[in-house]
PDB file of N, CA and C in Angstrom:
ATOM      1  N   UNK A   1       2.162 -73.213  18.521  1.00  0.00           N
ATOM      2  CA  UNK A   1       2.947 -71.887  18.164  1.00  0.00           C
ATOM      3  C   UNK A   1       2.304 -71.053  17.430  1.00  0.00           C
ATOM      4  N   UNK A   2       2.509 -69.868  17.493  1.00  0.00           N
ATOM      5  CA  UNK A   2       1.848 -68.762  16.514  1.00  0.00           C
ATOM      6  C   UNK A   2       2.409 -68.784  15.189  1.00  0.00           C
ATOM      7  N   UNK A   3       1.620 -68.394  13.974  1.00  0.00           N
ATOM      8  CA  UNK A   3       2.196 -68.253  12.930  1.00  0.00           C
ATOM      9  C   UNK A   3       3.213 -67.097  12.836  1.00  0.00           C
ATOM     10  N   UNK A   4       4.354 -67.380  12.048  1.00  0.00           N
ATOM     11  CA  UNK A   4       5.458 -66.172  11.989  1.00  0.00           C
ATOM     12  C   UNK A   4       4.993 -65.643  10.588  1.00  0.00           C
ATOM     13  N   UNK A   5       5.205 -64.230  10.485  1.00  0.00           N
ATOM     14  CA  UNK A   5       5.029 -63.544   9.423  1.00  0.00           C
ATOM     15  C   UNK A   5       6.276 -63.629   8.396  1.00  0.00           C
ATOM     16  N   UNK A   6       5.995 -63.704   7.175  1.00  0.00           N
ATOM     17  CA  UNK A   6       7.180 -63.822   6.150  1.00  0.00           C
ATOM     18  C   UNK A   6       8.035 -62.735   6.192  1.00  0.00           C
ATOM     19  N   UNK A   7       7.407 -61.410   6.419  1.00  0.00           N
ATOM     20  CA  UNK A   7       8.402 -60.241   6.475  1.00  0.00           C
ATOM     21  C   UNK A   7       7.894 -59.206   7.487  1.00  0.00           C
ATOM     22  N   UNK A   8       8.589 -58.621   8.148  1.00  0.00           N
ATOM     23  CA  UNK A   8       8.041 -57.717   9.223  1.00  0.00           C
ATOM     24  C   UNK A   8       7.707 -56.380   8.431  1.00  0.00           C
ATOM     25  N   UNK A   9       6.606 -55.948   8.768  1.00  0.00           N
ATOM     26  CA  UNK A   9       6.028 -54.601   7.984  1.00  0.00           C
ATOM     27  C   UNK A   9       6.571 -53.547   8.846  1.00  0.00           C
ATOM     28  N   UNK A  10       7.147 -52.524   8.003  1.00  0.00           N
ATOM     29  CA  UNK A  10       7.818 -51.221   8.452  1.00  0.00           C
ATOM     30  C   UNK A  10       7.213 -50.156   7.643  1.00  0.00           C
ATOM     31  N   UNK A  11       7.514 -48.946   8.234  1.00  0.00           N
ATOM     32  CA  UNK A  11       6.988 -47.682   7.752  1.00  0.00           C
ATOM     33  C   UNK A  11       7.541 -47.423   6.203  1.00  0.00           C
ATOM     34  N   UNK A  12       6.553 -46.793   5.378  1.00  0.00           N
ATOM     35  CA  UNK A  12       6.998 -46.230   4.112  1.00  0.00           C
ATOM     36  C   UNK A  12       8.454 -45.564   3.956  1.00  0.00           C
ATOM     37  N   UNK A  13       8.329 -44.758   5.176  1.00  0.00           N
ATOM     38  CA  UNK A  13       9.582 -43.837   5.305  1.00  0.00           C
ATOM     39  C   UNK A  13      10.945 -44.624   5.413  1.00  0.00           C
ATOM     40  N   UNK A  14      10.936 -45.768   6.223  1.00  0.00           N
ATOM     41  CA  UNK A  14      12.168 -46.556   6.319  1.00  0.00           C
ATOM     42  C   UNK A  14      12.283 -47.292   5.164  1.00  0.00           C
ATOM     43  N   UNK A  15      11.258 -47.690   4.296  1.00  0.00           N
ATOM     44  CA  UNK A  15      11.582 -48.609   3.103  1.00  0.00           C
ATOM     45  C   UNK A  15      12.209 -47.397   2.060  1.00  0.00           C
ATOM     46  N   UNK A  16      11.728 -46.172   1.971  1.00  0.00           N
ATOM     47  CA  UNK A  16      12.150 -45.321   1.105  1.00  0.00           C
ATOM     48  C   UNK A  16      13.638 -44.977   1.415  1.00  0.00           C
ATOM     49  N   UNK A  17      13.897 -44.940   2.849  1.00  0.00           N
ATOM     50  CA  UNK A  17      15.432 -44.692   3.126  1.00  0.00           C
ATOM     51  C   UNK A  17      16.273 -45.800   2.859  1.00  0.00           C
ATOM     52  N   UNK A  18      15.697 -47.066   2.867  1.00  0.00           N
ATOM     53  CA  UNK A  18      16.447 -48.292   2.392  1.00  0.00           C
ATOM     54  C   UNK A  18      16.822 -48.342   0.852  1.00  0.00           C
ATOM     55  N   UNK A  19      15.652 -48.016   0.076  1.00  0.00           N
ATOM     56  CA  UNK A  19      15.717 -47.647  -1.385  1.00  0.00           C
ATOM     57  C   UNK A  19      16.860 -46.835  -1.860  1.00  0.00           C
ATOM     58  N   UNK A  20      16.805 -45.609  -1.172  1.00  0.00           N
ATOM     59  CA  UNK A  20      17.858 -44.694  -1.437  1.00  0.00           C
ATOM     60  C   UNK A  20      19.328 -45.081  -1.031  1.00  0.00           C
ATOM     61  N   UNK A  21      19.314 -45.739   0.022  1.00  0.00           N
ATOM     62  CA  UNK A  21      20.687 -46.292   0.540  1.00  0.00           C
ATOM     63  C   UNK A  21      21.326 -47.186  -0.496  1.00  0.00           C
ATOM     64  N   UNK A  22      20.587 -48.152  -1.283  1.00  0.00           N
ATOM     65  CA  UNK A  22      21.086 -49.111  -2.047  1.00  0.00           C
ATOM     66  C   UNK A  22      21.202 -48.286  -3.535  1.00  0.00           C
ATOM     67  N   UNK A  23      20.548 -47.372  -3.750  1.00  0.00           N
ATOM     68  CA  UNK A  23      20.548 -46.741  -5.097  1.00  0.00           C
ATOM     69  C   UNK A  23      21.950 -46.056  -5.442  1.00  0.00           C
ATOM     70  N   UNK A  24      22.297 -45.271  -4.349  1.00  0.00           N
ATOM     71  CA  UNK A  24      23.720 -44.608  -4.502  1.00  0.00           C
ATOM     72  C   UNK A  24      23.539 -43.540  -5.304  1.00  0.00           C
ATOM     73  N   UNK A  25      22.364 -42.954  -5.927  1.00  0.00           N
ATOM     74  CA  UNK A  25      22.292 -41.750  -6.642  1.00  0.00           C
ATOM     75  C   UNK A  25      21.031 -41.281  -6.271  1.00  0.00           C
ATOM     76  N   UNK A  26      20.831 -39.875  -6.593  1.00  0.00           N
ATOM     77  CA  UNK A  26      19.418 -39.488  -6.441  1.00  0.00           C
ATOM     78  C   UNK A  26      18.429 -40.308  -7.255  1.00  0.00           C
ATOM     79  N   UNK A  27      17.100 -40.248  -6.837  1.00  0.00           N
ATOM     80  CA  UNK A  27      16.001 -40.973  -7.621  1.00  0.00           C
ATOM     81  C   UNK A  27      14.738 -39.899  -7.576  1.00  0.00           C
ATOM     82  N   UNK A  28      14.015 -40.077  -8.843  1.00  0.00           N
ATOM     83  CA  UNK A  28      12.713 -39.377  -8.753  1.00  0.00           C
ATOM     84  C   UNK A  28      11.787 -39.903  -7.732  1.00  0.00           C
ATOM     85  N   UNK A  29      11.041 -39.235  -7.319  1.00  0.00           N
ATOM     86  CA  UNK A  29       9.779 -39.730  -6.498  1.00  0.00           C
ATOM     87  C   UNK A  29       9.127 -40.836  -6.902  1.00  0.00           C
ATOM     88  N   UNK A  30       8.696 -40.831  -8.099  1.00  0.00           N
ATOM     89  CA  UNK A  30       8.143 -41.770  -8.916  1.00  0.00           C
ATOM     90  C   UNK A  30       8.701 -43.293  -8.687  1.00  0.00           C
ATOM     91  N   UNK A  31       9.878 -43.074  -8.982  1.00  0.00           N
ATOM     92  CA  UNK A  31      10.721 -44.312  -8.992  1.00  0.00           C
ATOM     93  C   UNK A  31      10.938 -45.112  -7.479  1.00  0.00           C
ATOM     94  N   UNK A  32      11.172 -44.018  -6.600  1.00  0.00           N
ATOM     95  CA  UNK A  32      11.056 -44.380  -5.261  1.00  0.00           C
ATOM     96  C   UNK A  32       9.906 -45.039  -4.695  1.00  0.00           C
ATOM     97  N   UNK A  33       8.758 -44.409  -5.183  1.00  0.00           N
ATOM     98  CA  UNK A  33       7.376 -44.934  -4.829  1.00  0.00           C
ATOM     99  C   UNK A  33       7.160 -46.367  -5.426  1.00  0.00           C
ATOM    100  N   UNK A  34       7.628 -46.279  -6.693  1.00  0.00           N
ATOM    101  CA  UNK A  34       7.531 -47.794  -7.286  1.00  0.00           C
ATOM    102  C   UNK A  34       8.038 -48.773  -6.564  1.00  0.00           C
ATOM    103  N   UNK A  35       9.508 -48.596  -6.211  1.00  0.00           N
ATOM    104  CA  UNK A  35      10.273 -49.497  -5.448  1.00  0.00           C
ATOM    105  C   UNK A  35       9.826 -49.847  -4.075  1.00  0.00           C
ATOM    106  N   UNK A  36       9.332 -48.740  -3.594  1.00  0.00           N
ATOM    107  CA  UNK A  36       8.631 -48.936  -1.971  1.00  0.00           C
ATOM    108  C   UNK A  36       7.404 -50.019  -2.086  1.00  0.00           C
ATOM    109  N   UNK A  37       6.470 -49.556  -3.112  1.00  0.00           N
ATOM    110  CA  UNK A  37       5.289 -50.361  -3.379  1.00  0.00           C
ATOM    111  C   UNK A  37       5.747 -52.009  -3.684  1.00  0.00           C
ATOM    112  N   UNK A  38       6.542 -52.049  -4.628  1.00  0.00           N
ATOM    113  CA  UNK A  38       6.925 -53.293  -5.139  1.00  0.00           C
ATOM    114  C   UNK A  38       7.605 -54.086  -3.965  1.00  0.00           C
ATOM    115  N   UNK A  39       8.343 -53.575  -3.010  1.00  0.00           N
ATOM    116  CA  UNK A  39       8.913 -54.297  -1.896  1.00  0.00           C
ATOM    117  C   UNK A  39       7.960 -55.165  -0.955  1.00  0.00           C
ATOM    118  N   UNK A  40       6.712 -54.552  -1.000  1.00  0.00           N
ATOM    119  CA  UNK A  40       5.742 -55.157  -0.069  1.00  0.00           C
ATOM    120  C   UNK A  40       6.009 -55.193   1.480  1.00  0.00           C
ATOM    121  N   UNK A  41       6.950 -54.359   1.734  1.00  0.00           N
ATOM    122  CA  UNK A  41       7.430 -54.312   3.187  1.00  0.00           C
ATOM    123  C   UNK A  41       6.645 -53.318   3.865  1.00  0.00           C
ATOM    124  N   UNK A  42       6.304 -52.367   3.323  1.00  0.00           N
ATOM    125  CA  UNK A  42       5.619 -51.241   4.093  1.00  0.00           C
ATOM    126  C   UNK A  42       4.001 -51.492   4.361  1.00  0.00           C
ATOM    127  N   UNK A  43       3.751 -50.829   5.694  1.00  0.00           N
ATOM    128  CA  UNK A  43       2.361 -50.844   6.103  1.00  0.00           C
ATOM    129  C   UNK A  43       1.869 -49.357   6.001  1.00  0.00           C
ATOM    130  N   UNK A  44       0.569 -49.180   5.830  1.00  0.00           N
ATOM    131  CA  UNK A  44      -0.100 -48.040   5.782  1.00  0.00           C
ATOM    132  C   UNK A  44      -0.267 -47.332   4.497  1.00  0.00           C
ATOM    133  N   UNK A  45       0.004 -47.967   3.181  1.00  0.00           N
ATOM    134  CA  UNK A  45      -0.215 -47.583   2.071  1.00  0.00           C
ATOM    135  C   UNK A  45      -1.390 -48.322   1.471  1.00  0.00           C
ATOM    136  N   UNK A  46      -2.430 -47.916   1.957  1.00  0.00           N
ATOM    137  CA  UNK A  46      -3.833 -48.635   1.678  1.00  0.00           C
ATOM    138  C   UNK A  46      -4.599 -47.681   0.766  1.00  0.00           C
ATOM    139  N   UNK A  47      -4.302 -46.335   0.525  1.00  0.00           N
ATOM    140  CA  UNK A  47      -4.999 -45.475  -0.163  1.00  0.00           C
ATOM    141  C   UNK A  47      -5.145 -45.773  -1.625  1.00  0.00           C
ATOM    142  N   UNK A  48      -5.856 -45.019  -2.492  1.00  0.00           N
ATOM    143  CA  UNK A  48      -5.903 -45.032  -3.903  1.00  0.00           C
ATOM    144  C   UNK A  48      -4.711 -44.567  -4.684  1.00  0.00           C
ATOM    145  N   UNK A  49      -3.935 -43.600  -3.910  1.00  0.00           N
ATOM    146  CA  UNK A  49      -2.789 -43.068  -4.706  1.00  0.00           C
ATOM    147  C   UNK A  49      -1.442 -43.120  -3.841  1.00  0.00           C
ATOM    148  N   UNK A  50      -0.951 -44.291  -3.625  1.00  0.00           N
ATOM    149  CA  UNK A  50       0.241 -44.443  -2.784  1.00  0.00           C
ATOM    150  C   UNK A  50       1.387 -43.665  -3.234  1.00  0.00           C
ATOM    151  N   UNK A  51       1.475 -43.486  -4.663  1.00  0.00           N
ATOM    152  CA  UNK A  51       2.537 -42.747  -5.180  1.00  0.00           C
ATOM    153  C   UNK A  51       2.478 -41.239  -4.507  1.00  0.00           C
ATOM    154  N   UNK A  52       1.341 -40.816  -4.417  1.00  0.00           N
ATOM    155  CA  UNK A  52       1.040 -39.219  -4.055  1.00  0.00           C
ATOM    156  C   UNK A  52       1.577 -39.467  -2.665  1.00  0.00           C
ATOM    157  N   UNK A  53       1.066 -40.291  -1.712  1.00  0.00           N
ATOM    158  CA  UNK A  53       1.469 -40.505  -0.395  1.00  0.00           C
ATOM    159  C   UNK A  53       2.988 -40.433  -0.203  1.00  0.00           C
ATOM    160  N   UNK A  54       3.807 -41.267  -0.918  1.00  0.00           N
ATOM    161  CA  UNK A  54       5.230 -41.360  -0.839  1.00  0.00           C
ATOM    162  C   UNK A  54       5.830 -40.273  -1.381  1.00  0.00           C
ATOM    163  N   UNK A  55       5.331 -39.340  -2.310  1.00  0.00           N
ATOM    164  CA  UNK A  55       5.700 -38.099  -2.814  1.00  0.00           C
ATOM    165  C   UNK A  55       5.678 -37.032  -1.498  1.00  0.00           C
ATOM    166  N   UNK A  56       4.551 -36.924  -0.986  1.00  0.00           N
ATOM    167  CA  UNK A  56       4.312 -36.140   0.016  1.00  0.00           C
ATOM    168  C   UNK A  56       5.274 -36.350   1.177  1.00  0.00           C
ATOM    169  N   UNK A  57       5.376 -37.619   1.672  1.00  0.00           N
ATOM    170  CA  UNK A  57       6.338 -38.079   2.687  1.00  0.00           C
ATOM    171  C   UNK A  57       7.811 -37.599   2.334  1.00  0.00           C
ATOM    172  N   UNK A  58       8.273 -37.689   1.035  1.00  0.00           N
ATOM    173  CA  UNK A  58       9.465 -37.267   0.747  1.00  0.00           C
ATOM    174  C   UNK A  58       9.697 -35.805   0.790  1.00  0.00           C
ATOM    175  N   UNK A  59       8.735 -34.987   0.451  1.00  0.00           N
ATOM    176  CA  UNK A  59       8.778 -33.657   0.380  1.00  0.00           C
ATOM    177  C   UNK A  59       8.633 -33.140   1.837  1.00  0.00           C
ATOM    178  N   UNK A  60       7.966 -33.616   2.797  1.00  0.00           N
ATOM    179  CA  UNK A  60       8.038 -33.266   4.325  1.00  0.00           C
ATOM    180  C   UNK A  60       9.498 -33.643   4.831  1.00  0.00           C
ATOM    181  N   UNK A  61       9.730 -34.937   4.519  1.00  0.00           N
ATOM    182  CA  UNK A  61      11.096 -35.457   4.985  1.00  0.00           C
ATOM    183  C   UNK A  61      12.253 -35.001   4.528  1.00  0.00           C
ATOM    184  N   UNK A  62      12.181 -33.858   3.575  1.00  0.00           N
ATOM    185  CA  UNK A  62      13.290 -33.148   3.018  1.00  0.00           C
ATOM    186  C   UNK A  62      13.539 -31.905   3.598  1.00  0.00           C
ATOM    187  N   UNK A  63      12.855 -31.446   4.546  1.00  0.00           N
ATOM    188  CA  UNK A  63      12.902 -30.221   5.491  1.00  0.00           C
ATOM    189  C   UNK A  63      14.114 -30.408   6.278  1.00  0.00           C
ATOM    190  N   UNK A  64      14.524 -29.183   6.693  1.00  0.00           N
ATOM    191  CA  UNK A  64      15.945 -29.382   7.711  1.00  0.00           C
ATOM    192  C   UNK A  64      15.528 -30.578   8.755  1.00  0.00           C
ATOM    193  N   UNK A  65      16.457 -31.234   8.909  1.00  0.00           N
ATOM    194  CA  UNK A  65      16.559 -32.296  10.014  1.00  0.00           C
ATOM    195  C   UNK A  65      15.904 -33.521   9.527  1.00  0.00           C
ATOM    196  N   UNK A  66      15.262 -33.640   8.404  1.00  0.00           N
ATOM    197  CA  UNK A  66      14.755 -34.695   7.951  1.00  0.00           C
ATOM    198  C   UNK A  66      15.665 -35.920   7.290  1.00  0.00           C
ATOM    199  N   UNK A  67      15.433 -36.953   6.844  1.00  0.00           N
ATOM    200  CA  UNK A  67      16.102 -38.011   6.300  1.00  0.00           C
ATOM    201  C   UNK A  67      16.431 -37.821   4.753  1.00  0.00           C
ATOM    202  N   UNK A  68      15.648 -36.890   4.245  1.00  0.00           N
ATOM    203  CA  UNK A  68      15.954 -36.806   2.773  1.00  0.00           C
ATOM    204  C   UNK A  68      16.291 -35.464   2.352  1.00  0.00           C
ATOM    205  N   UNK A  69      16.912 -35.413   1.169  1.00  0.00           N
ATOM    206  CA  UNK A  69      17.282 -34.100   0.673  1.00  0.00           C
ATOM    207  C   UNK A  69      16.814 -34.052  -0.723  1.00  0.00           C
ATOM    208  N   UNK A  70      16.252 -32.892  -1.117  1.00  0.00           N
ATOM    209  CA  UNK A  70      15.550 -32.614  -2.466  1.00  0.00           C
ATOM    210  C   UNK A  70      16.901 -32.049  -3.156  1.00  0.00           C
ATOM    211  N   UNK A  71      17.180 -32.760  -4.312  1.00  0.00           N
ATOM    212  CA  UNK A  71      18.510 -32.223  -4.951  1.00  0.00           C
ATOM    213  C   UNK A  71      17.925 -31.544  -6.427  1.00  0.00           C
ATOM    214  N   UNK A  72      16.751 -31.697  -6.808  1.00  0.00           N
ATOM    215  CA  UNK A  72      16.062 -31.272  -7.898  1.00  0.00           C
ATOM    216  C   UNK A  72      14.488 -31.434  -7.940  1.00  0.00           C
ATOM    217  N   UNK A  73      13.735 -30.924  -8.711  1.00  0.00           N
ATOM    218  CA  UNK A  73      12.437 -31.040  -8.763  1.00  0.00           C
ATOM    219  C   UNK A  73      11.989 -32.477  -8.722  1.00  0.00           C
ATOM    220  N   UNK A  74      11.280 -32.885  -7.716  1.00  0.00           N
ATOM    221  CA  UNK A  74      10.929 -34.424  -7.657  1.00  0.00           C
ATOM    222  C   UNK A  74      11.874 -35.497  -7.413  1.00  0.00           C
ATOM    223  N   UNK A  75      13.089 -34.938  -7.193  1.00  0.00           N
ATOM    224  CA  UNK A  75      14.315 -36.012  -7.159  1.00  0.00           C
ATOM    225  C   UNK A  75      14.924 -35.933  -5.812  1.00  0.00           C
ATOM    226  N   UNK A  76      15.124 -37.043  -4.973  1.00  0.00           N
ATOM    227  CA  UNK A  76      15.466 -36.986  -3.744  1.00  0.00           C
ATOM    228  C   UNK A  76      16.885 -37.783  -3.512  1.00  0.00           C
ATOM    229  N   UNK A  77      17.463 -37.631  -2.512  1.00  0.00           N
ATOM    230  CA  UNK A  77      18.518 -38.521  -2.000  1.00  0.00           C
ATOM    231  C   UNK A  77      18.687 -38.301  -0.548  1.00  0.00           C
ATOM    232  N   UNK A  78      19.333 -39.269   0.183  1.00  0.00           N
ATOM    233  CA  UNK A  78      19.357 -39.138   1.563  1.00  0.00           C
ATOM    234  C   UNK A  78      20.186 -38.095   2.056  1.00  0.00           C
ATOM    235  N   UNK A  79      19.828 -37.510   3.156  1.00  0.00           N
ATOM    236  CA  UNK A  79      20.459 -36.253   3.637  1.00  0.00           C
ATOM    237  C   UNK A  79      21.707 -36.522   4.242  1.00  0.00           C
ATOM    238  N   UNK A  80      21.961 -37.665   4.922  1.00  0.00           N
ATOM    239  CA  UNK A  80      23.293 -38.204   5.592  1.00  0.00           C
ATOM    240  C   UNK A  80      24.272 -38.382   4.170  1.00  0.00           C
ATOM    241  N   UNK A  81      23.814 -38.963   3.056  1.00  0.00           N
ATOM    242  CA  UNK A  81      24.749 -38.940   2.094  1.00  0.00           C
ATOM    243  C   UNK A  81      25.077 -37.665   1.507  1.00  0.00           C
ATOM    244  N   UNK A  82      24.303 -36.669   1.473  1.00  0.00           N
ATOM    245  CA  UNK A  82      24.717 -35.451   0.873  1.00  0.00           C
ATOM    246  C   UNK A  82      25.685 -34.684   2.008  1.00  0.00           C
ATOM    247  N   UNK A  83      25.514 -34.999   3.280  1.00  0.00           N
ATOM    248  CA  UNK A  83      26.359 -34.240   4.159  1.00  0.00           C
ATOM    249  C   UNK A  83      27.756 -34.834   4.081  1.00  0.00           C
ATOM    250  N   UNK A  84      27.870 -35.772   3.493  1.00  0.00           N
ATOM    251  CA  UNK A  84      29.502 -36.499   3.221  1.00  0.00           C
ATOM    252  C   UNK A  84      29.956 -35.985   1.949  1.00  0.00           C
ATOM    253  N   UNK A  85      29.128 -35.560   0.917  1.00  0.00           N
ATOM    254  CA  UNK A  85      29.742 -35.204  -0.294  1.00  0.00           C
ATOM    255  C   UNK A  85      29.849 -33.730  -0.149  1.00  0.00           C
ATOM    256  N   UNK A  86      29.260 -32.810   0.550  1.00  0.00           N
ATOM    257  CA  UNK A  86      29.713 -31.404   0.620  1.00  0.00           C
ATOM    258  C   UNK A  86      29.589 -30.921   2.074  1.00  0.00           C
ATOM    259  N   UNK A  87      30.587 -30.704   2.668  1.00  0.00           N
ATOM    260  CA  UNK A  87      30.699 -30.194   3.941  1.00  0.00           C
ATOM    261  C   UNK A  87      29.796 -29.031   3.984  1.00  0.00           C
ATOM    262  N   UNK A  88      28.871 -29.010   5.159  1.00  0.00           N
ATOM    263  CA  UNK A  88      27.912 -27.978   5.510  1.00  0.00           C
ATOM    264  C   UNK A  88      28.615 -26.616   5.677  1.00  0.00           C
ATOM    265  N   UNK A  89      29.814 -26.462   6.342  1.00  0.00           N
ATOM    266  CA  UNK A  89      30.536 -25.276   6.749  1.00  0.00           C
ATOM    267  C   UNK A  89      30.888 -24.642   5.536  1.00  0.00           C
ATOM    268  N   UNK A  90      31.427 -25.442   4.554  1.00  0.00           N
ATOM    269  CA  UNK A  90      31.962 -24.894   3.242  1.00  0.00           C
ATOM    270  C   UNK A  90      30.871 -24.229   2.588  1.00  0.00           C
ATOM    271  N   UNK A  91      29.854 -25.062   2.368  1.00  0.00           N
ATOM    272  CA  UNK A  91      28.778 -24.392   1.472  1.00  0.00           C
ATOM    273  C   UNK A  91      28.170 -23.290   2.210  1.00  0.00           C
ATOM    274  N   UNK A  92      27.826 -23.300   3.645  1.00  0.00           N
ATOM    275  CA  UNK A  92      27.386 -22.289   4.133  1.00  0.00           C
ATOM    276  C   UNK A  92      28.266 -20.808   4.020  1.00  0.00           C
ATOM    277  N   UNK A  93      29.506 -21.184   4.434  1.00  0.00           N
ATOM    278  CA  UNK A  93      30.496 -19.941   4.378  1.00  0.00           C
ATOM    279  C   UNK A  93      30.630 -19.320   2.916  1.00  0.00           C
ATOM    280  N   UNK A  94      30.506 -20.155   1.956  1.00  0.00           N
ATOM    281  CA  UNK A  94      30.859 -19.748   0.424  1.00  0.00           C
ATOM    282  C   UNK A  94      29.431 -18.768   0.067  1.00  0.00           C
ATOM    283  N   UNK A  95      28.244 -19.430   0.615  1.00  0.00           N
ATOM    284  CA  UNK A  95      27.032 -18.562   0.258  1.00  0.00           C
ATOM    285  C   UNK A  95      27.032 -17.403   0.992  1.00  0.00           C
ATOM    286  N   UNK A  96      27.401 -17.256   2.296  1.00  0.00           N
ATOM    287  CA  UNK A  96      27.399 -16.132   3.092  1.00  0.00           C
ATOM    288  C   UNK A  96      28.509 -15.033   2.451  1.00  0.00           C
ATOM    289  N   UNK A  97      29.431 -15.371   1.956  1.00  0.00           N
ATOM    290  CA  UNK A  97      30.492 -14.535   1.442  1.00  0.00           C
ATOM    291  C   UNK A  97      30.099 -13.641   0.485  1.00  0.00           C
ATOM    292  N   UNK A  98      29.052 -13.882  -0.385  1.00  0.00           N
ATOM    293  CA  UNK A  98      28.569 -13.181  -1.532  1.00  0.00           C
ATOM    294  C   UNK A  98      27.339 -12.405  -0.968  1.00  0.00           C
ATOM    295  N   UNK A  99      26.666 -12.655  -0.122  1.00  0.00           N
ATOM    296  CA  UNK A  99      25.421 -11.693   0.333  1.00  0.00           C
ATOM    297  C   UNK A  99      26.234 -10.530   1.259  1.00  0.00           C
ATOM    298  N   UNK A 100      25.644  -9.194   0.850  1.00  0.00           N
ATOM    299  CA  UNK A 100      26.012  -8.303   1.689  1.00  0.00           C
ATOM    300  C   UNK A 100      25.109  -8.216   2.831  1.00  0.00           C
ATOM    301  N   UNK A 101      25.753  -7.681   4.071  1.00  0.00           N
ATOM    302  CA  UNK A 101      24.936  -7.573   5.270  1.00  0.00           C
ATOM    303  C   UNK A 101      24.037  -6.377   5.170  1.00  0.00           C
ATOM    304  N   UNK A 102      22.753  -6.425   5.574  1.00  0.00           N
ATOM    305  CA  UNK A 102      21.818  -5.341   5.535  1.00  0.00           C
ATOM    306  C   UNK A 102      21.830  -4.824   6.696  1.00  0.00           C
ATOM    307  N   UNK A 103      21.764  -3.351   6.850  1.00  0.00           N
ATOM    308  CA  UNK A 103      21.626  -2.722   8.297  1.00  0.00           C
ATOM    309  C   UNK A 103      20.063  -2.548   8.394  1.00  0.00           C
ATOM    310  N   UNK A 104      19.756  -2.573   9.700  1.00  0.00           N
ATOM    311  CA  UNK A 104      18.295  -2.279   9.843  1.00  0.00           C
ATOM    312  C   UNK A 104      18.030  -1.022   9.963  1.00  0.00           C
ATOM    313  N   UNK A 105      17.013  -0.568   9.406  1.00  0.00           N
ATOM    314  CA  UNK A 105      16.630   0.897   9.401  1.00  0.00           C
ATOM    315  C   UNK A 105      15.926   1.263  10.694  1.00  0.00           C
ATOM    316  N   UNK A 106      15.979   2.357  11.097  1.00  0.00           N
ATOM    317  CA  UNK A 106      15.381   2.667  12.319  1.00  0.00           C
ATOM    318  C   UNK A 106      13.736   3.005  11.901  1.00  0.00           C
ATOM    319  N   UNK A 107      12.927   2.500  12.839  1.00  0.00           N
ATOM    320  CA  UNK A 107      11.468   2.639  12.628  1.00  0.00           C
ATOM    321  C   UNK A 107      10.979   4.055  12.572  1.00  0.00           C
ATOM    322  N   UNK A 108      10.014   4.286  11.731  1.00  0.00           N
ATOM    323  CA  UNK A 108       9.477   5.671  11.549  1.00  0.00           C
ATOM    324  C   UNK A 108       8.583   5.733  12.757  1.00  0.00           C
ATOM    325  N   UNK A 109       8.726   6.964  13.323  1.00  0.00           N
ATOM    326  CA  UNK A 109       7.785   7.275  14.255  1.00  0.00           C
ATOM    327  C   UNK A 109       6.471   8.079  13.826  1.00  0.00           C
ATOM    328  N   UNK A 110       5.481   7.582  14.258  1.00  0.00           N
ATOM    329  CA  UNK A 110       4.305   8.196  13.825  1.00  0.00           C
ATOM    330  C   UNK A 110       4.080   9.734  14.565  1.00  0.00           C
ATOM    331  N   UNK A 111       3.454  10.729  14.091  1.00  0.00           N
ATOM    332  CA  UNK A 111       3.196  12.140  14.918  1.00  0.00           C
ATOM    333  C   UNK A 111       2.105  11.630  15.800  1.00  0.00           C
ATOM    334  N   UNK A 112       2.284  12.278  16.928  1.00  0.00           N
ATOM    335  CA  UNK A 112       1.232  12.155  18.081  1.00  0.00           C
ATOM    336  C   UNK A 112      -0.097  12.744  17.531  1.00  0.00           C
ATOM    337  N   UNK A 113      -1.161  11.951  17.893  1.00  0.00           N
ATOM    338  CA  UNK A 113      -2.483  12.651  17.538  1.00  0.00           C
ATOM    339  C   UNK A 113      -2.692  13.787  18.477  1.00  0.00           C
ATOM    340  N   UNK A 114      -3.091  14.792  17.978  1.00  0.00           N
ATOM    341  CA  UNK A 114      -3.387  15.997  18.747  1.00  0.00           C
ATOM    342  C   UNK A 114      -4.068  17.030  17.786  1.00  0.00           C
ATOM    343  N   UNK A 115      -4.492  18.268  18.035  1.00  0.00           N
ATOM    344  CA  UNK A 115      -4.996  19.144  17.442  1.00  0.00           C
ATOM    345  C   UNK A 115      -4.342  19.332  16.055  1.00  0.00           C
ATOM    346  N   UNK A 116      -5.257  19.647  15.034  1.00  0.00           N
ATOM    347  CA  UNK A 116      -4.808  19.810  13.727  1.00  0.00           C
ATOM    348  C   UNK A 116      -3.890  20.818  13.504  1.00  0.00           C
ATOM    349  N   UNK A 117      -2.954  20.547  12.798  1.00  0.00           N
ATOM    350  CA  UNK A 117      -1.671  21.829  12.669  1.00  0.00           C
ATOM    351  C   UNK A 117      -2.057  22.367  11.333  1.00  0.00           C
ATOM    352  N   UNK A 118      -2.037  23.686  11.216  1.00  0.00           N
ATOM    353  CA  UNK A 118      -2.287  24.403  10.068  1.00  0.00           C
ATOM    354  C   UNK A 118      -0.961  24.692   9.461  1.00  0.00           C
ATOM    355  N   UNK A 119      -0.848  24.958   8.291  1.00  0.00           N
ATOM    356  CA  UNK A 119       0.419  25.422   7.606  1.00  0.00           C
ATOM    357  C   UNK A 119       0.279  26.652   6.644  1.00  0.00           C
TER     358      UNK A 119
END
């Protein structure tokens, strides 16, 4: 029989999701990185600065549609958790109610090139 691994290796992103899911509160990127590395579950963190790699992954993952949400500088939580605490329709409608609608100005037309006009 083949040897079995003690633990299945998963991506750092999945481990970070698990860390935030168990935290029940937003965490600093440094703390998330520490817990991801200490778990020993992730593959692909072989560089000299795994903390920077995880911080970059959190930043990219916090863009719209990503699994993370940035709540403060360097502080993240799960995006699905934030969706349940604040309904997006309420937040969006509230923000739009205070912004005036700007009308588009017509484009200026350049004078046609032709003989020089004297005044």
